[in-house]
Protein backbone atom coordinates (compact mmCIF):
# COMPACT_ATOMS: atom_id res chain seq x y z
CA MET A 1 -11.18 -110.74 -98.40
CA PHE A 2 -9.97 -111.49 -94.62
CA ALA A 3 -12.43 -114.44 -94.81
CA ALA A 4 -10.48 -115.68 -97.77
CA ILE A 5 -7.25 -115.22 -96.19
CA VAL A 6 -8.67 -116.97 -92.90
CA THR A 7 -10.14 -119.67 -95.03
CA LEU A 8 -6.87 -120.49 -96.76
CA ALA A 9 -4.80 -120.10 -94.01
CA SER A 10 -6.89 -122.58 -92.09
CA VAL A 11 -6.71 -125.02 -95.04
CA SER A 12 -3.16 -124.69 -95.81
CA CYS A 13 -2.17 -124.83 -92.05
CA ASN A 14 0.91 -126.99 -91.24
CA ASP A 15 1.45 -129.23 -88.46
CA GLY A 16 -2.22 -129.46 -87.91
CA LYS A 17 -2.15 -125.85 -86.24
CA THR A 18 -5.24 -123.72 -86.45
CA TYR A 19 -4.85 -120.29 -87.68
CA ALA A 20 -5.06 -118.83 -84.16
CA GLU A 21 -2.22 -121.21 -83.21
CA LEU A 22 -0.11 -119.85 -86.21
CA LEU A 23 -0.68 -116.25 -85.16
CA GLU A 24 0.45 -117.16 -81.51
CA SER A 25 3.54 -118.88 -82.88
CA GLU A 26 4.15 -115.61 -85.04
CA ASP A 27 3.81 -113.35 -82.02
CA HIS A 28 6.30 -115.67 -80.15
CA TYR A 29 8.91 -115.28 -82.93
CA VAL A 30 8.48 -111.73 -83.29
CA ASN A 31 8.75 -111.37 -79.23
CA ASN A 32 11.80 -113.64 -78.93
CA TYR A 33 13.64 -111.57 -81.63
CA LEU A 34 12.54 -108.36 -79.71
CA ALA A 35 13.76 -109.44 -76.65
CA ASP A 36 17.50 -109.01 -77.62
CA ASN A 37 16.64 -105.36 -78.70
CA ILE A 38 15.62 -102.19 -77.26
CA VAL A 39 11.95 -101.51 -78.28
CA TYR A 40 10.07 -97.84 -78.32
CA ASN A 41 6.40 -98.46 -78.61
CA GLU A 42 5.67 -95.31 -80.84
CA ILE A 43 7.31 -93.20 -83.45
CA PRO A 44 9.19 -90.08 -82.01
CA ALA A 45 6.59 -87.04 -82.40
CA ASP A 46 9.21 -85.19 -84.45
CA THR A 47 10.32 -88.31 -86.50
CA VAL A 48 14.05 -87.89 -85.35
CA PHE A 49 15.16 -91.41 -85.02
CA GLU A 50 18.07 -93.06 -83.04
CA THR A 51 19.98 -94.60 -85.84
CA GLY A 52 22.69 -97.42 -86.27
CA GLU A 53 22.97 -101.03 -85.57
CA ASN A 54 22.38 -100.62 -82.04
CA ALA A 55 19.12 -98.23 -82.41
CA PRO A 56 15.90 -99.29 -81.01
CA TYR A 57 13.07 -100.99 -83.10
CA TYR A 58 10.35 -98.58 -83.13
CA ARG A 59 6.66 -99.90 -83.20
CA ILE A 60 5.07 -98.34 -86.46
CA ASP A 61 1.51 -99.65 -86.35
CA GLU A 62 -0.92 -100.08 -83.32
CA GLU A 63 -1.21 -103.62 -83.49
CA GLY A 64 2.48 -104.30 -83.49
CA ASP A 65 2.67 -106.02 -86.78
CA LEU A 66 5.46 -103.66 -87.85
CA TYR A 67 8.90 -102.59 -86.09
CA MET A 68 11.25 -100.35 -87.78
CA GLN A 69 14.95 -100.09 -87.01
CA VAL A 70 16.71 -97.05 -88.54
CA ILE A 71 20.11 -97.84 -89.94
CA ASP A 72 20.60 -94.84 -91.94
CA PRO A 73 18.04 -92.08 -91.84
CA GLY A 74 18.75 -90.70 -95.38
CA THR A 75 18.90 -87.22 -96.82
CA PRO A 76 16.48 -84.97 -95.24
CA GLY A 77 13.83 -83.67 -97.52
CA ASN A 78 14.35 -86.51 -100.04
CA LYS A 79 10.79 -87.59 -99.42
CA VAL A 80 8.88 -89.95 -101.46
CA LYS A 81 5.70 -88.90 -103.49
CA ASP A 82 2.29 -90.74 -103.97
CA ASP A 83 2.79 -93.28 -106.84
CA GLU A 84 6.68 -92.69 -107.11
CA LEU A 85 8.43 -95.48 -108.62
CA ILE A 86 10.69 -96.84 -105.72
CA TYR A 87 13.39 -99.34 -106.16
CA PHE A 88 14.60 -101.60 -103.24
CA ARG A 89 17.30 -103.91 -102.36
CA TYR A 90 16.60 -106.34 -99.34
CA THR A 91 17.67 -109.39 -97.37
CA ARG A 92 15.22 -111.00 -95.30
CA TYR A 93 15.42 -113.51 -92.49
CA ASN A 94 12.68 -115.79 -91.02
CA LEU A 95 12.21 -115.11 -87.53
CA GLN A 96 11.14 -118.71 -86.68
CA PHE A 97 14.72 -119.55 -87.31
CA TYR A 98 16.39 -116.76 -85.25
CA ASN A 99 18.28 -118.53 -82.29
CA ASP A 100 20.99 -117.41 -79.85
CA GLY A 101 21.32 -113.89 -81.42
CA GLU A 102 21.99 -115.50 -85.08
CA PHE A 103 19.85 -116.46 -88.31
CA SER A 104 20.79 -119.57 -90.25
CA TYR A 105 20.41 -118.02 -93.67
CA GLY A 106 18.75 -115.11 -95.38
CA GLY A 107 17.39 -114.48 -98.84
CA GLY A 108 16.92 -111.56 -101.19
CA ASN A 109 18.55 -109.34 -103.80
CA ASP A 110 20.73 -107.22 -101.44
CA ASP A 111 24.13 -109.13 -102.10
CA ASP A 112 23.33 -110.63 -105.60
CA MET A 113 23.21 -108.11 -108.53
CA SER A 114 22.39 -110.73 -110.56
CA MET A 115 18.81 -110.93 -109.49
CA ALA A 116 16.19 -108.90 -110.77
CA ASN A 117 15.25 -105.39 -109.44
CA THR A 118 12.34 -105.13 -107.21
CA SER A 119 10.37 -102.01 -106.99
CA PHE A 120 6.90 -100.62 -106.10
CA ARG A 121 5.02 -97.69 -106.73
CA PHE A 122 4.53 -96.05 -103.52
CA GLY A 123 1.04 -96.01 -101.94
CA ASN A 124 -0.50 -97.67 -105.20
CA TYR A 125 -1.97 -101.03 -104.38
CA THR A 126 -3.70 -101.24 -107.59
CA LEU A 127 -0.82 -102.49 -109.22
CA GLN A 128 0.47 -106.12 -108.78
CA SER A 129 4.05 -105.06 -108.75
CA SER A 130 3.19 -102.95 -105.76
CA THR A 131 0.93 -105.58 -104.12
CA ARG A 132 3.02 -108.59 -104.43
CA TRP A 133 5.71 -107.14 -101.70
CA GLY A 134 2.75 -106.49 -99.31
CA SER A 135 2.44 -103.21 -97.71
CA GLY A 136 4.67 -103.38 -94.84
CA ILE A 137 7.82 -102.78 -96.81
CA GLN A 138 6.61 -99.33 -98.03
CA GLN A 139 5.77 -98.18 -94.43
CA PRO A 140 9.37 -96.75 -93.37
CA LEU A 141 9.09 -94.19 -96.31
CA VAL A 142 6.05 -92.68 -94.54
CA TYR A 143 8.70 -91.35 -92.13
CA LEU A 144 11.78 -91.54 -93.86
CA PRO A 145 13.58 -90.09 -97.08
CA VAL A 146 14.01 -92.35 -99.99
CA ASP A 147 17.64 -92.99 -99.50
CA CYS A 148 17.19 -94.38 -95.94
CA GLN A 149 18.36 -98.22 -94.83
CA VAL A 150 16.35 -99.72 -92.03
CA ASN A 151 15.79 -103.16 -90.68
CA LEU A 152 11.97 -104.00 -90.77
CA ILE A 153 10.04 -106.61 -88.73
CA VAL A 154 6.97 -107.62 -91.04
CA LYS A 155 4.37 -109.89 -89.80
CA SER A 156 2.65 -112.08 -92.19
CA GLN A 157 -0.47 -109.85 -93.08
CA TYR A 158 1.78 -107.07 -94.22
CA GLY A 159 4.39 -109.31 -96.03
CA PHE A 160 4.63 -110.87 -99.40
CA THR A 161 0.85 -111.60 -100.59
CA SER A 162 2.01 -115.13 -101.87
CA GLU A 163 2.98 -115.95 -98.41
CA MET A 164 0.38 -114.64 -96.32
CA ALA A 165 -1.16 -118.06 -95.41
CA ASP A 166 2.18 -119.21 -93.98
CA VAL A 167 1.81 -117.13 -91.18
CA GLN A 168 5.75 -116.27 -90.96
CA PRO A 169 7.36 -113.12 -89.98
CA TYR A 170 10.20 -111.78 -91.25
CA LEU A 171 13.16 -109.57 -90.47
CA PHE A 172 13.85 -107.35 -93.73
CA LYS A 173 17.12 -105.30 -94.29
CA LEU A 174 16.08 -102.69 -96.91
CA ARG A 175 17.57 -100.10 -98.68
CA TYR A 176 15.63 -97.68 -101.03
CA TYR A 177 16.49 -95.78 -104.07
CA ARG A 178 15.03 -93.87 -106.95
CA PRO A 179 15.68 -95.25 -110.72
CA LYS A 180 18.68 -93.60 -112.23
CA ILE A 181 17.69 -91.19 -115.26
């Protein structure tokens, strides 16, 4: 599968850049954004996070492909279960267009209630409804309750599967919730 992604990315590279050069650019965009923020290179052992708009970003994975800032830690004990249906609202910003502390625009369904609901089944990557969003957006729920709110930096290999070959990192503003019964 990795070879297919690399081949696809090599064929679809823009501006004549190699896949390696695109990955370098992706790192640059992420580092440019993180330079304006506090970054901790690991998750706290007790998973008690600093929270709020000025909280640090925590590196979630060893490779530095996911970074999470906890805005609202949610309700203690409200943990997700394997294969549970989780809805989320989001706005995402392409980190390539981050300049002087600002983004030019963002897209998503966070502010537009007319857009369709977005959901996944936690940890179930056999369903297209879960894989289409990439695995990155599920990772905060490994550490936080379902009703949390986070900012999440997602590099391309953990992002939307339809966009992996674009090699673009995004900042997601995410809110998670369970369906109302």
